[in-house]
């Protein structure tokens, strides 16, 4: 916010709760 770079995150629904993933 301070450096004026708004962040957009998409696709969080692709993480199944309770399961581990390797994120590349």
PDBML (XML) file of the C-alpha atoms, coordinates in Angstrom:
<?xml version="1.0" encoding="UTF-8" ?>
<PDBx:datablock datablockName="MODEL"
   xmlns:PDBx="http://pdbml.pdb.org/schema/pdbx-v50.xsd"
   xmlns:xsi="http://www.w3.org/2001/XMLSchema-instance"
   xsi:schemaLocation="http://pdbml.pdb.org/schema/pdbx-v50.xsd pdbx-v50.xsd">
   <PDBx:atom_siteCategory>
      <PDBx:atom_site id="1">
         <PDBx:B_iso_or_equiv>0.00</PDBx:B_iso_or_equiv>
         <PDBx:Cartn_x>0.000</PDBx:Cartn_x>
         <PDBx:Cartn_y>0.000</PDBx:Cartn_y>
         <PDBx:Cartn_z>0.000</PDBx:Cartn_z>
         <PDBx:auth_asym_id>A</PDBx:auth_asym_id>
         <PDBx:auth_atom_id>CA</PDBx:auth_atom_id>
         <PDBx:auth_comp_id>UNK</PDBx:auth_comp_id>
         <PDBx:auth_seq_id>1</PDBx:auth_seq_id>
         <PDBx:group_PDB>ATOM</PDBx:group_PDB>
         <PDBx:label_alt_id xsi:nil="true" />
         <PDBx:label_asym_id>A</PDBx:label_asym_id>
         <PDBx:label_atom_id>CA</PDBx:label_atom_id>
         <PDBx:label_comp_id>UNK</PDBx:label_comp_id>
         <PDBx:label_entity_id>1</PDBx:label_entity_id>
         <PDBx:label_seq_id>1</PDBx:label_seq_id>
         <PDBx:occupancy>1.00</PDBx:occupancy>
         <PDBx:pdbx_PDB_model_num>1</PDBx:pdbx_PDB_model_num>
         <PDBx:type_symbol>C</PDBx:type_symbol>
      </PDBx:atom_site>
      <PDBx:atom_site id="2">
         <PDBx:B_iso_or_equiv>0.00</PDBx:B_iso_or_equiv>
         <PDBx:Cartn_x>2.783</PDBx:Cartn_x>
         <PDBx:Cartn_y>2.427</PDBx:Cartn_y>
         <PDBx:Cartn_z>0.924</PDBx:Cartn_z>
         <PDBx:auth_asym_id>A</PDBx:auth_asym_id>
         <PDBx:auth_atom_id>CA</PDBx:auth_atom_id>
         <PDBx:auth_comp_id>UNK</PDBx:auth_comp_id>
         <PDBx:auth_seq_id>2</PDBx:auth_seq_id>
         <PDBx:group_PDB>ATOM</PDBx:group_PDB>
         <PDBx:label_alt_id xsi:nil="true" />
         <PDBx:label_asym_id>A</PDBx:label_asym_id>
         <PDBx:label_atom_id>CA</PDBx:label_atom_id>
         <PDBx:label_comp_id>UNK</PDBx:label_comp_id>
         <PDBx:label_entity_id>1</PDBx:label_entity_id>
         <PDBx:label_seq_id>2</PDBx:label_seq_id>
         <PDBx:occupancy>1.00</PDBx:occupancy>
         <PDBx:pdbx_PDB_model_num>1</PDBx:pdbx_PDB_model_num>
         <PDBx:type_symbol>C</PDBx:type_symbol>
      </PDBx:atom_site>
      <PDBx:atom_site id="3">
         <PDBx:B_iso_or_equiv>0.00</PDBx:B_iso_or_equiv>
         <PDBx:Cartn_x>4.601</PDBx:Cartn_x>
         <PDBx:Cartn_y>1.853</PDBx:Cartn_y>
         <PDBx:Cartn_z>-2.371</PDBx:Cartn_z>
         <PDBx:auth_asym_id>A</PDBx:auth_asym_id>
         <PDBx:auth_atom_id>CA</PDBx:auth_atom_id>
         <PDBx:auth_comp_id>UNK</PDBx:auth_comp_id>
         <PDBx:auth_seq_id>3</PDBx:auth_seq_id>
         <PDBx:group_PDB>ATOM</PDBx:group_PDB>
         <PDBx:label_alt_id xsi:nil="true" />
         <PDBx:label_asym_id>A</PDBx:label_asym_id>
         <PDBx:label_atom_id>CA</PDBx:label_atom_id>
         <PDBx:label_comp_id>UNK</PDBx:label_comp_id>
         <PDBx:label_entity_id>1</PDBx:label_entity_id>
         <PDBx:label_seq_id>3</PDBx:label_seq_id>
         <PDBx:occupancy>1.00</PDBx:occupancy>
         <PDBx:pdbx_PDB_model_num>1</PDBx:pdbx_PDB_model_num>
         <PDBx:type_symbol>C</PDBx:type_symbol>
      </PDBx:atom_site>
      <PDBx:atom_site id="4">
         <PDBx:B_iso_or_equiv>0.00</PDBx:B_iso_or_equiv>
         <PDBx:Cartn_x>1.346</PDBx:Cartn_x>
         <PDBx:Cartn_y>2.166</PDBx:Cartn_y>
         <PDBx:Cartn_z>-4.370</PDBx:Cartn_z>
         <PDBx:auth_asym_id>A</PDBx:auth_asym_id>
         <PDBx:auth_atom_id>CA</PDBx:auth_atom_id>
         <PDBx:auth_comp_id>UNK</PDBx:auth_comp_id>
         <PDBx:auth_seq_id>4</PDBx:auth_seq_id>
         <PDBx:group_PDB>ATOM</PDBx:group_PDB>
         <PDBx:label_alt_id xsi:nil="true" />
         <PDBx:label_asym_id>A</PDBx:label_asym_id>
         <PDBx:label_atom_id>CA</PDBx:label_atom_id>
         <PDBx:label_comp_id>UNK</PDBx:label_comp_id>
         <PDBx:label_entity_id>1</PDBx:label_entity_id>
         <PDBx:label_seq_id>4</PDBx:label_seq_id>
         <PDBx:occupancy>1.00</PDBx:occupancy>
         <PDBx:pdbx_PDB_model_num>1</PDBx:pdbx_PDB_model_num>
         <PDBx:type_symbol>C</PDBx:type_symbol>
      </PDBx:atom_site>
      <PDBx:atom_site id="5">
         <PDBx:B_iso_or_equiv>0.00</PDBx:B_iso_or_equiv>
         <PDBx:Cartn_x>1.365</PDBx:Cartn_x>
         <PDBx:Cartn_y>-1.428</PDBx:Cartn_y>
         <PDBx:Cartn_z>-5.628</PDBx:Cartn_z>
         <PDBx:auth_asym_id>A</PDBx:auth_asym_id>
         <PDBx:auth_atom_id>CA</PDBx:auth_atom_id>
         <PDBx:auth_comp_id>UNK</PDBx:auth_comp_id>
         <PDBx:auth_seq_id>5</PDBx:auth_seq_id>
         <PDBx:group_PDB>ATOM</PDBx:group_PDB>
         <PDBx:label_alt_id xsi:nil="true" />
         <PDBx:label_asym_id>A</PDBx:label_asym_id>
         <PDBx:label_atom_id>CA</PDBx:label_atom_id>
         <PDBx:label_comp_id>UNK</PDBx:label_comp_id>
         <PDBx:label_entity_id>1</PDBx:label_entity_id>
         <PDBx:label_seq_id>5</PDBx:label_seq_id>
         <PDBx:occupancy>1.00</PDBx:occupancy>
         <PDBx:pdbx_PDB_model_num>1</PDBx:pdbx_PDB_model_num>
         <PDBx:type_symbol>C</PDBx:type_symbol>
      </PDBx:atom_site>
      <PDBx:atom_site id="6">
         <PDBx:B_iso_or_equiv>0.00</PDBx:B_iso_or_equiv>
         <PDBx:Cartn_x>-2.125</PDBx:Cartn_x>
         <PDBx:Cartn_y>-2.870</PDBx:Cartn_y>
         <PDBx:Cartn_z>-5.126</PDBx:Cartn_z>
         <PDBx:auth_asym_id>A</PDBx:auth_asym_id>
         <PDBx:auth_atom_id>CA</PDBx:auth_atom_id>
         <PDBx:auth_comp_id>UNK</PDBx:auth_comp_id>
         <PDBx:auth_seq_id>6</PDBx:auth_seq_id>
         <PDBx:group_PDB>ATOM</PDBx:group_PDB>
         <PDBx:label_alt_id xsi:nil="true" />
         <PDBx:label_asym_id>A</PDBx:label_asym_id>
         <PDBx:label_atom_id>CA</PDBx:label_atom_id>
         <PDBx:label_comp_id>UNK</PDBx:label_comp_id>
         <PDBx:label_entity_id>1</PDBx:label_entity_id>
         <PDBx:label_seq_id>6</PDBx:label_seq_id>
         <PDBx:occupancy>1.00</PDBx:occupancy>
         <PDBx:pdbx_PDB_model_num>1</PDBx:pdbx_PDB_model_num>
         <PDBx:type_symbol>C</PDBx:type_symbol>
      </PDBx:atom_site>
      <PDBx:atom_site id="7">
         <PDBx:B_iso_or_equiv>0.00</PDBx:B_iso_or_equiv>
         <PDBx:Cartn_x>-2.146</PDBx:Cartn_x>
         <PDBx:Cartn_y>-6.667</PDBx:Cartn_y>
         <PDBx:Cartn_z>-4.917</PDBx:Cartn_z>
         <PDBx:auth_asym_id>A</PDBx:auth_asym_id>
         <PDBx:auth_atom_id>CA</PDBx:auth_atom_id>
         <PDBx:auth_comp_id>UNK</PDBx:auth_comp_id>
         <PDBx:auth_seq_id>7</PDBx:auth_seq_id>
         <PDBx:group_PDB>ATOM</PDBx:group_PDB>
         <PDBx:label_alt_id xsi:nil="true" />
         <PDBx:label_asym_id>A</PDBx:label_asym_id>
         <PDBx:label_atom_id>CA</PDBx:label_atom_id>
         <PDBx:label_comp_id>UNK</PDBx:label_comp_id>
         <PDBx:label_entity_id>1</PDBx:label_entity_id>
         <PDBx:label_seq_id>7</PDBx:label_seq_id>
         <PDBx:occupancy>1.00</PDBx:occupancy>
         <PDBx:pdbx_PDB_model_num>1</PDBx:pdbx_PDB_model_num>
         <PDBx:type_symbol>C</PDBx:type_symbol>
      </PDBx:atom_site>
      <PDBx:atom_site id="8">
         <PDBx:B_iso_or_equiv>0.00</PDBx:B_iso_or_equiv>
         <PDBx:Cartn_x>-4.639</PDBx:Cartn_x>
         <PDBx:Cartn_y>-8.956</PDBx:Cartn_y>
         <PDBx:Cartn_z>-6.635</PDBx:Cartn_z>
         <PDBx:auth_asym_id>A</PDBx:auth_asym_id>
         <PDBx:auth_atom_id>CA</PDBx:auth_atom_id>
         <PDBx:auth_comp_id>UNK</PDBx:auth_comp_id>
         <PDBx:auth_seq_id>8</PDBx:auth_seq_id>
         <PDBx:group_PDB>ATOM</PDBx:group_PDB>
         <PDBx:label_alt_id xsi:nil="true" />
         <PDBx:label_asym_id>A</PDBx:label_asym_id>
         <PDBx:label_atom_id>CA</PDBx:label_atom_id>
         <PDBx:label_comp_id>UNK</PDBx:label_comp_id>
         <PDBx:label_entity_id>1</PDBx:label_entity_id>
         <PDBx:label_seq_id>8</PDBx:label_seq_id>
         <PDBx:occupancy>1.00</PDBx:occupancy>
         <PDBx:pdbx_PDB_model_num>1</PDBx:pdbx_PDB_model_num>
         <PDBx:type_symbol>C</PDBx:type_symbol>
      </PDBx:atom_site>
      <PDBx:atom_site id="9">
         <PDBx:B_iso_or_equiv>0.00</PDBx:B_iso_or_equiv>
         <PDBx:Cartn_x>-4.760</PDBx:Cartn_x>
         <PDBx:Cartn_y>-12.651</PDBx:Cartn_y>
         <PDBx:Cartn_z>-5.725</PDBx:Cartn_z>
         <PDBx:auth_asym_id>A</PDBx:auth_asym_id>
         <PDBx:auth_atom_id>CA</PDBx:auth_atom_id>
         <PDBx:auth_comp_id>UNK</PDBx:auth_comp_id>
         <PDBx:auth_seq_id>9</PDBx:auth_seq_id>
         <PDBx:group_PDB>ATOM</PDBx:group_PDB>
         <PDBx:label_alt_id xsi:nil="true" />
         <PDBx:label_asym_id>A</PDBx:label_asym_id>
         <PDBx:label_atom_id>CA</PDBx:label_atom_id>
         <PDBx:label_comp_id>UNK</PDBx:label_comp_id>
         <PDBx:label_entity_id>1</PDBx:label_entity_id>
         <PDBx:label_seq_id>9</PDBx:label_seq_id>
         <PDBx:occupancy>1.00</PDBx:occupancy>
         <PDBx:pdbx_PDB_model_num>1</PDBx:pdbx_PDB_model_num>
         <PDBx:type_symbol>C</PDBx:type_symbol>
      </PDBx:atom_site>
      <PDBx:atom_site id="10">
         <PDBx:B_iso_or_equiv>0.00</PDBx:B_iso_or_equiv>
         <PDBx:Cartn_x>-6.739</PDBx:Cartn_x>
         <PDBx:Cartn_y>-15.105</PDBx:Cartn_y>
         <PDBx:Cartn_z>-7.853</PDBx:Cartn_z>
         <PDBx:auth_asym_id>A</PDBx:auth_asym_id>
         <PDBx:auth_atom_id>CA</PDBx:auth_atom_id>
         <PDBx:auth_comp_id>UNK</PDBx:auth_comp_id>
         <PDBx:auth_seq_id>10</PDBx:auth_seq_id>
         <PDBx:group_PDB>ATOM</PDBx:group_PDB>
         <PDBx:label_alt_id xsi:nil="true" />
         <PDBx:label_asym_id>A</PDBx:label_asym_id>
         <PDBx:label_atom_id>CA</PDBx:label_atom_id>
         <PDBx:label_comp_id>UNK</PDBx:label_comp_id>
         <PDBx:label_entity_id>1</PDBx:label_entity_id>
         <PDBx:label_seq_id>10</PDBx:label_seq_id>
         <PDBx:occupancy>1.00</PDBx:occupancy>
         <PDBx:pdbx_PDB_model_num>1</PDBx:pdbx_PDB_model_num>
         <PDBx:type_symbol>C</PDBx:type_symbol>
      </PDBx:atom_site>
      <PDBx:atom_site id="11">
         <PDBx:B_iso_or_equiv>0.00</PDBx:B_iso_or_equiv>
         <PDBx:Cartn_x>-7.354</PDBx:Cartn_x>
         <PDBx:Cartn_y>-18.841</PDBx:Cartn_y>
         <PDBx:Cartn_z>-7.594</PDBx:Cartn_z>
         <PDBx:auth_asym_id>A</PDBx:auth_asym_id>
         <PDBx:auth_atom_id>CA</PDBx:auth_atom_id>
         <PDBx:auth_comp_id>UNK</PDBx:auth_comp_id>
         <PDBx:auth_seq_id>11</PDBx:auth_seq_id>
         <PDBx:group_PDB>ATOM</PDBx:group_PDB>
         <PDBx:label_alt_id xsi:nil="true" />
         <PDBx:label_asym_id>A</PDBx:label_asym_id>
         <PDBx:label_atom_id>CA</PDBx:label_atom_id>
         <PDBx:label_comp_id>UNK</PDBx:label_comp_id>
         <PDBx:label_entity_id>1</PDBx:label_entity_id>
         <PDBx:label_seq_id>11</PDBx:label_seq_id>
         <PDBx:occupancy>1.00</PDBx:occupancy>
         <PDBx:pdbx_PDB_model_num>1</PDBx:pdbx_PDB_model_num>
         <PDBx:type_symbol>C</PDBx:type_symbol>
      </PDBx:atom_site>
      <PDBx:atom_site id="12">
         <PDBx:B_iso_or_equiv>0.00</PDBx:B_iso_or_equiv>
         <PDBx:Cartn_x>-7.285</PDBx:Cartn_x>
         <PDBx:Cartn_y>-19.376</PDBx:Cartn_y>
         <PDBx:Cartn_z>-3.827</PDBx:Cartn_z>
         <PDBx:auth_asym_id>A</PDBx:auth_asym_id>
         <PDBx:auth_atom_id>CA</PDBx:auth_atom_id>
         <PDBx:auth_comp_id>UNK</PDBx:auth_comp_id>
         <PDBx:auth_seq_id>12</PDBx:auth_seq_id>
         <PDBx:group_PDB>ATOM</PDBx:group_PDB>
         <PDBx:label_alt_id xsi:nil="true" />
         <PDBx:label_asym_id>A</PDBx:label_asym_id>
         <PDBx:label_atom_id>CA</PDBx:label_atom_id>
         <PDBx:label_comp_id>UNK</PDBx:label_comp_id>
         <PDBx:label_entity_id>1</PDBx:label_entity_id>
         <PDBx:label_seq_id>12</PDBx:label_seq_id>
         <PDBx:occupancy>1.00</PDBx:occupancy>
         <PDBx:pdbx_PDB_model_num>1</PDBx:pdbx_PDB_model_num>
         <PDBx:type_symbol>C</PDBx:type_symbol>
      </PDBx:atom_site>
      <PDBx:atom_site id="13">
         <PDBx:B_iso_or_equiv>0.00</PDBx:B_iso_or_equiv>
         <PDBx:Cartn_x>-10.180</PDBx:Cartn_x>
         <PDBx:Cartn_y>-21.770</PDBx:Cartn_y>
         <PDBx:Cartn_z>-4.307</PDBx:Cartn_z>
         <PDBx:auth_asym_id>A</PDBx:auth_asym_id>
         <PDBx:auth_atom_id>CA</PDBx:auth_atom_id>
         <PDBx:auth_comp_id>UNK</PDBx:auth_comp_id>
         <PDBx:auth_seq_id>13</PDBx:auth_seq_id>
         <PDBx:group_PDB>ATOM</PDBx:group_PDB>
         <PDBx:label_alt_id xsi:nil="true" />
         <PDBx:label_asym_id>A</PDBx:label_asym_id>
         <PDBx:label_atom_id>CA</PDBx:label_atom_id>
         <PDBx:label_comp_id>UNK</PDBx:label_comp_id>
         <PDBx:label_entity_id>1</PDBx:label_entity_id>
         <PDBx:label_seq_id>13</PDBx:label_seq_id>
         <PDBx:occupancy>1.00</PDBx:occupancy>
         <PDBx:pdbx_PDB_model_num>1</PDBx:pdbx_PDB_model_num>
         <PDBx:type_symbol>C</PDBx:type_symbol>
      </PDBx:atom_site>
      <PDBx:atom_site id="14">
         <PDBx:B_iso_or_equiv>0.00</PDBx:B_iso_or_equiv>
         <PDBx:Cartn_x>-7.742</PDBx:Cartn_x>
         <PDBx:Cartn_y>-24.206</PDBx:Cartn_y>
         <PDBx:Cartn_z>-5.941</PDBx:Cartn_z>
         <PDBx:auth_asym_id>A</PDBx:auth_asym_id>
         <PDBx:auth_atom_id>CA</PDBx:auth_atom_id>
         <PDBx:auth_comp_id>UNK</PDBx:auth_comp_id>
         <PDBx:auth_seq_id>14</PDBx:auth_seq_id>
         <PDBx:group_PDB>ATOM</PDBx:group_PDB>
         <PDBx:label_alt_id xsi:nil="true" />
         <PDBx:label_asym_id>A</PDBx:label_asym_id>
         <PDBx:label_atom_id>CA</PDBx:label_atom_id>
         <PDBx:label_comp_id>UNK</PDBx:label_comp_id>
         <PDBx:label_entity_id>1</PDBx:label_entity_id>
         <PDBx:label_seq_id>14</PDBx:label_seq_id>
         <PDBx:occupancy>1.00</PDBx:occupancy>
         <PDBx:pdbx_PDB_model_num>1</PDBx:pdbx_PDB_model_num>
         <PDBx:type_symbol>C</PDBx:type_symbol>
      </PDBx:atom_site>
      <PDBx:atom_site id="15">
         <PDBx:B_iso_or_equiv>0.00</PDBx:B_iso_or_equiv>
         <PDBx:Cartn_x>-6.267</PDBx:Cartn_x>
         <PDBx:Cartn_y>-24.999</PDBx:Cartn_y>
         <PDBx:Cartn_z>-2.512</PDBx:Cartn_z>
         <PDBx:auth_asym_id>A</PDBx:auth_asym_id>
         <PDBx:auth_atom_id>CA</PDBx:auth_atom_id>
         <PDBx:auth_comp_id>UNK</PDBx:auth_comp_id>
         <PDBx:auth_seq_id>15</PDBx:auth_seq_id>
         <PDBx:group_PDB>ATOM</PDBx:group_PDB>
         <PDBx:label_alt_id xsi:nil="true" />
         <PDBx:label_asym_id>A</PDBx:label_asym_id>
         <PDBx:label_atom_id>CA</PDBx:label_atom_id>
         <PDBx:label_comp_id>UNK</PDBx:label_comp_id>
         <PDBx:label_entity_id>1</PDBx:label_entity_id>
         <PDBx:label_seq_id>15</PDBx:label_seq_id>
         <PDBx:occupancy>1.00</PDBx:occupancy>
         <PDBx:pdbx_PDB_model_num>1</PDBx:pdbx_PDB_model_num>
         <PDBx:type_symbol>C</PDBx:type_symbol>
      </PDBx:atom_site>
      <PDBx:atom_site id="16">
         <PDBx:B_iso_or_equiv>0.00</PDBx:B_iso_or_equiv>
         <PDBx:Cartn_x>-8.161</PDBx:Cartn_x>
         <PDBx:Cartn_y>-27.844</PDBx:Cartn_y>
         <PDBx:Cartn_z>-0.850</PDBx:Cartn_z>
         <PDBx:auth_asym_id>A</PDBx:auth_asym_id>
         <PDBx:auth_atom_id>CA</PDBx:auth_atom_id>
         <PDBx:auth_comp_id>UNK</PDBx:auth_comp_id>
         <PDBx:auth_seq_id>16</PDBx:auth_seq_id>
         <PDBx:group_PDB>ATOM</PDBx:group_PDB>
         <PDBx:label_alt_id xsi:nil="true" />
         <PDBx:label_asym_id>A</PDBx:label_asym_id>
         <PDBx:label_atom_id>CA</PDBx:label_atom_id>
         <PDBx:label_comp_id>UNK</PDBx:label_comp_id>
         <PDBx:label_entity_id>1</PDBx:label_entity_id>
         <PDBx:label_seq_id>16</PDBx:label_seq_id>
         <PDBx:occupancy>1.00</PDBx:occupancy>
         <PDBx:pdbx_PDB_model_num>1</PDBx:pdbx_PDB_model_num>
         <PDBx:type_symbol>C</PDBx:type_symbol>
      </PDBx:atom_site>
      <PDBx:atom_site id="17">
         <PDBx:B_iso_or_equiv>0.00</PDBx:B_iso_or_equiv>
         <PDBx:Cartn_x>-8.318</PDBx:Cartn_x>
         <PDBx:Cartn_y>-27.254</PDBx:Cartn_y>
         <PDBx:Cartn_z>2.883</PDBx:Cartn_z>
         <PDBx:auth_asym_id>A</PDBx:auth_asym_id>
         <PDBx:auth_atom_id>CA</PDBx:auth_atom_id>
         <PDBx:auth_comp_id>UNK</PDBx:auth_comp_id>
         <PDBx:auth_seq_id>17</PDBx:auth_seq_id>
         <PDBx:group_PDB>ATOM</PDBx:group_PDB>
         <PDBx:label_alt_id xsi:nil="true" />
         <PDBx:label_asym_id>A</PDBx:label_asym_id>
         <PDBx:label_atom_id>CA</PDBx:label_atom_id>
         <PDBx:label_comp_id>UNK</PDBx:label_comp_id>
         <PDBx:label_entity_id>1</PDBx:label_entity_id>
         <PDBx:label_seq_id>17</PDBx:label_seq_id>
         <PDBx:occupancy>1.00</PDBx:occupancy>
         <PDBx:pdbx_PDB_model_num>1</PDBx:pdbx_PDB_model_num>
         <PDBx:type_symbol>C</PDBx:type_symbol>
      </PDBx:atom_site>
      <PDBx:atom_site id="18">
         <PDBx:B_iso_or_equiv>0.00</PDBx:B_iso_or_equiv>
         <PDBx:Cartn_x>-6.118</PDBx:Cartn_x>
         <PDBx:Cartn_y>-29.638</PDBx:Cartn_y>
         <PDBx:Cartn_z>4.855</PDBx:Cartn_z>
         <PDBx:auth_asym_id>A</PDBx:auth_asym_id>
         <PDBx:auth_atom_id>CA</PDBx:auth_atom_id>
         <PDBx:auth_comp_id>UNK</PDBx:auth_comp_id>
         <PDBx:auth_seq_id>18</PDBx:auth_seq_id>
         <PDBx:group_PDB>ATOM</PDBx:group_PDB>
         <PDBx:label_alt_id xsi:nil="true" />
         <PDBx:label_asym_id>A</PDBx:label_asym_id>
         <PDBx:label_atom_id>CA</PDBx:label_atom_id>
         <PDBx:label_comp_id>UNK</PDBx:label_comp_id>
         <PDBx:label_entity_id>1</PDBx:label_entity_id>
         <PDBx:label_seq_id>18</PDBx:label_seq_id>
         <PDBx:occupancy>1.00</PDBx:occupancy>
         <PDBx:pdbx_PDB_model_num>1</PDBx:pdbx_PDB_model_num>
         <PDBx:type_symbol>C</PDBx:type_symbol>
      </PDBx:atom_site>
      <PDBx:atom_site id="19">
         <PDBx:B_iso_or_equiv>0.00</PDBx:B_iso_or_equiv>
         <PDBx:Cartn_x>-3.985</PDBx:Cartn_x>
         <PDBx:Cartn_y>-30.657</PDBx:Cartn_y>
         <PDBx:Cartn_z>1.869</PDBx:Cartn_z>
         <PDBx:auth_asym_id>A</PDBx:auth_asym_id>
         <PDBx:auth_atom_id>CA</PDBx:auth_atom_id>
         <PDBx:auth_comp_id>UNK</PDBx:auth_comp_id>
         <PDBx:auth_seq_id>19</PDBx:auth_seq_id>
         <PDBx:group_PDB>ATOM</PDBx:group_PDB>
         <PDBx:label_alt_id xsi:nil="true" />
         <PDBx:label_asym_id>A</PDBx:label_asym_id>
         <PDBx:label_atom_id>CA</PDBx:label_atom_id>
         <PDBx:label_comp_id>UNK</PDBx:label_comp_id>
         <PDBx:label_entity_id>1</PDBx:label_entity_id>
         <PDBx:label_seq_id>19</PDBx:label_seq_id>
         <PDBx:occupancy>1.00</PDBx:occupancy>
         <PDBx:pdbx_PDB_model_num>1</PDBx:pdbx_PDB_model_num>
         <PDBx:type_symbol>C</PDBx:type_symbol>
      </PDBx:atom_site>
      <PDBx:atom_site id="20">
         <PDBx:B_iso_or_equiv>0.00</PDBx:B_iso_or_equiv>
         <PDBx:Cartn_x>-0.380</PDBx:Cartn_x>
         <PDBx:Cartn_y>-29.704</PDBx:Cartn_y>
         <PDBx:Cartn_z>1.207</PDBx:Cartn_z>
         <PDBx:auth_asym_id>A</PDBx:auth_asym_id>
         <PDBx:auth_atom_id>CA</PDBx:auth_atom_id>
         <PDBx:auth_comp_id>UNK</PDBx:auth_comp_id>
         <PDBx:auth_seq_id>20</PDBx:auth_seq_id>
         <PDBx:group_PDB>ATOM</PDBx:group_PDB>
         <PDBx:label_alt_id xsi:nil="true" />
         <PDBx:label_asym_id>A</PDBx:label_asym_id>
         <PDBx:label_atom_id>CA</PDBx:label_atom_id>
         <PDBx:label_comp_id>UNK</PDBx:label_comp_id>
         <PDBx:label_entity_id>1</PDBx:label_entity_id>
         <PDBx:label_seq_id>20</PDBx:label_seq_id>
         <PDBx:occupancy>1.00</PDBx:occupancy>
         <PDBx:pdbx_PDB_model_num>1</PDBx:pdbx_PDB_model_num>
         <PDBx:type_symbol>C</PDBx:type_symbol>
      </PDBx:atom_site>
      <PDBx:atom_site id="21">
         <PDBx:B_iso_or_equiv>0.00</PDBx:B_iso_or_equiv>
         <PDBx:Cartn_x>0.786</PDBx:Cartn_x>
         <PDBx:Cartn_y>-28.526</PDBx:Cartn_y>
         <PDBx:Cartn_z>-2.223</PDBx:Cartn_z>
         <PDBx:auth_asym_id>A</PDBx:auth_asym_id>
         <PDBx:auth_atom_id>CA</PDBx:auth_atom_id>
         <PDBx:auth_comp_id>UNK</PDBx:auth_comp_id>
         <PDBx:auth_seq_id>21</PDBx:auth_seq_id>
         <PDBx:group_PDB>ATOM</PDBx:group_PDB>
         <PDBx:label_alt_id xsi:nil="true" />
         <PDBx:label_asym_id>A</PDBx:label_asym_id>
         <PDBx:label_atom_id>CA</PDBx:label_atom_id>
         <PDBx:label_comp_id>UNK</PDBx:label_comp_id>
         <PDBx:label_entity_id>1</PDBx:label_entity_id>
         <PDBx:label_seq_id>21</PDBx:label_seq_id>
         <PDBx:occupancy>1.00</PDBx:occupancy>
         <PDBx:pdbx_PDB_model_num>1</PDBx:pdbx_PDB_model_num>
         <PDBx:type_symbol>C</PDBx:type_symbol>
      </PDBx:atom_site>
      <PDBx:atom_site id="22">
         <PDBx:B_iso_or_equiv>0.00</PDBx:B_iso_or_equiv>
         <PDBx:Cartn_x>3.988</PDBx:Cartn_x>
         <PDBx:Cartn_y>-27.615</PDBx:Cartn_y>
         <PDBx:Cartn_z>-3.988</PDBx:Cartn_z>
         <PDBx:auth_asym_id>A</PDBx:auth_asym_id>
         <PDBx:auth_atom_id>CA</PDBx:auth_atom_id>
         <PDBx:auth_comp_id>UNK</PDBx:auth_comp_id>
         <PDBx:auth_seq_id>22</PDBx:auth_seq_id>
         <PDBx:group_PDB>ATOM</PDBx:group_PDB>
         <PDBx:label_alt_id xsi:nil="true" />
         <PDBx:label_asym_id>A</PDBx:label_asym_id>
         <PDBx:label_atom_id>CA</PDBx:label_atom_id>
         <PDBx:label_comp_id>UNK</PDBx:label_comp_id>
         <PDBx:label_entity_id>1</PDBx:label_entity_id>
         <PDBx:label_seq_id>22</PDBx:label_seq_id>
         <PDBx:occupancy>1.00</PDBx:occupancy>
         <PDBx:pdbx_PDB_model_num>1</PDBx:pdbx_PDB_model_num>
         <PDBx:type_symbol>C</PDBx:type_symbol>
      </PDBx:atom_site>
      <PDBx:atom_site id="23">
         <PDBx:B_iso_or_equiv>0.00</PDBx:B_iso_or_equiv>
         <PDBx:Cartn_x>3.482</PDBx:Cartn_x>
         <PDBx:Cartn_y>-24.119</PDBx:Cartn_y>
         <PDBx:Cartn_z>-5.394</PDBx:Cartn_z>
         <PDBx:auth_asym_id>A</PDBx:auth_asym_id>
         <PDBx:auth_atom_id>CA</PDBx:auth_atom_id>
         <PDBx:auth_comp_id>UNK</PDBx:auth_comp_id>
         <PDBx:auth_seq_id>23</PDBx:auth_seq_id>
         <PDBx:group_PDB>ATOM</PDBx:group_PDB>
         <PDBx:label_alt_id xsi:nil="true" />
         <PDBx:label_asym_id>A</PDBx:label_asym_id>
         <PDBx:label_atom_id>CA</PDBx:label_atom_id>
         <PDBx:label_comp_id>UNK</PDBx:label_comp_id>
         <PDBx:label_entity_id>1</PDBx:label_entity_id>
         <PDBx:label_seq_id>23</PDBx:label_seq_id>
         <PDBx:occupancy>1.00</PDBx:occupancy>
         <PDBx:pdbx_PDB_model_num>1</PDBx:pdbx_PDB_model_num>
         <PDBx:type_symbol>C</PDBx:type_symbol>
      </PDBx:atom_site>
      <PDBx:atom_site id="24">
         <PDBx:B_iso_or_equiv>0.00</PDBx:B_iso_or_equiv>
         <PDBx:Cartn_x>5.691</PDBx:Cartn_x>
         <PDBx:Cartn_y>-23.314</PDBx:Cartn_y>
         <PDBx:Cartn_z>-8.389</PDBx:Cartn_z>
         <PDBx:auth_asym_id>A</PDBx:auth_asym_id>
         <PDBx:auth_atom_id>CA</PDBx:auth_atom_id>
         <PDBx:auth_comp_id>UNK</PDBx:auth_comp_id>
         <PDBx:auth_seq_id>24</PDBx:auth_seq_id>
         <PDBx:group_PDB>ATOM</PDBx:group_PDB>
         <PDBx:label_alt_id xsi:nil="true" />
         <PDBx:label_asym_id>A</PDBx:label_asym_id>
         <PDBx:label_atom_id>CA</PDBx:label_atom_id>
         <PDBx:label_comp_id>UNK</PDBx:label_comp_id>
         <PDBx:label_entity_id>1</PDBx:label_entity_id>
         <PDBx:label_seq_id>24</PDBx:label_seq_id>
         <PDBx:occupancy>1.00</PDBx:occupancy>
         <PDBx:pdbx_PDB_model_num>1</PDBx:pdbx_PDB_model_num>
         <PDBx:type_symbol>C</PDBx:type_symbol>
      </PDBx:atom_site>
   </PDBx:atom_siteCategory>
</PDBx:datablock>
